[in-house]
């Protein structure tokens, strides 16, 4: 433990040096120090993420298991008349041809089998189980059926797509990267407005819009605005900060991969410093930009904590990230476990035990309200007009919803059996892919912040 604390102090020292020697600029000195509602600091996260986590997570997302995501981008908006899909060419998502999908993913692995166990013949079940682990006992096979029944009845934090729907397609995430597509205006504003104004826990005494895009916020002091958070309980503060952090992360992606030039068949994407300043510069946002970025770091800690808690689930021999290529599958799982080992060493995790820790009945009601609010936000993602924005919005909200599911399933994870599926806690392949890709997006955002600080310094 002494070595761990010494390592933590060294990390902070190195990062403080980097912040002031190489990363100085319009975001300094405000974006430093300890974050609200936890005991971690920005500097430690920067060093940990940029040197330890980001390179490994980036490599993991290139693996077949994590690059193919099944999604339904044709679901109608459940809250208002559909605006119709964006006609901008960069909004288009190209589904992956069936022939390109690894056989183990499209034919089903143990996660897919869990969902279909009750509908298959004994011969089909044997074939599916053979693709998982030929040494499974009859007891384990029976547990798969129990698993399916439990998973169907389980409360989720997200509105999940029906993977069996004819409208669901596999998408190669590497060929459809998240970037600025030109999608903006009233349609995008309505989505974020609905998320902030109708689903965040806003005090009745606060009349100013929570939505950062709202024009009525232009003349206010951004820093003073955040005093309203002090009157909320921890859980409701956390909810707002999660949404704000997600919004900030998405904005950083769009600023980092912005359309810079187009013509003569040549499209150039890259960092747009002007757009970044508009969204995060201290002066242009009247102090609110720094808060937005701190909420990004807070969200990073929440998802990091979820990965720490779920590590025992993946460390079991029964869990195989199956694509049909045994050599790649083994290397993928080994890389994932390396990431978990790095996360375990990080000394300043968020303590989720402080949440929903009050009166038992009140805590239960608040937790359910928290879950339903977030589930509603996942449904709003089907109202995004740009297909590519919808894809990444759905993936990142499902990833965060999976992280919340993990944080609130501590007892079930502790009781996981080593050699058979658990009846108390399971993750589908879609949840696993969304969880890791969502965390990868946060990791990328923090890495991109380093690049923007350098650009800000050079532009002075």
Foldseek 3Di string as FASTA:
>chain_A
DVVLVVVLVVQLVVQVCCCVVFQDFLLPDLQWDAFPQFGDIPSNCLSLLQPPNQVLLVVLCVFLLQQKFKDQLPDAQPPDHFPAFDPQPLLDFDFDDPVPAQPDVVVDALLVCLQCVVPDDPVVLQVRVVLQPNPDDPVQSVVSPLQNVLVVVDQFLADDDDSPDPSIGMGRCVVNDQEARPDDDPLVQVLQQCLQVVQQPQDPVDPDRPRLPDPVCQPDQQVVSCVSLVPDDPLSSLLSLLSLLLVLLSQLRHQAFDFDDDDPNDTDTGHDLVSVCCQARCVNSNNNNSVSNSSVVVNLLLLLVLLLLQLLVLVFPSDWSDRPDVVSRVVSSVSSNSSNVSSVSNDTGRDCCVQLVPDVVVSVVVVVSSSVSLRVSLSSLSSRNRSSSSVLSNLLSLLSRLSVVSVVQNVQSVPADRRHGGSRDDDRSNNVSSNSVNSSSSSVSSNSSSVSSNVSVVVD
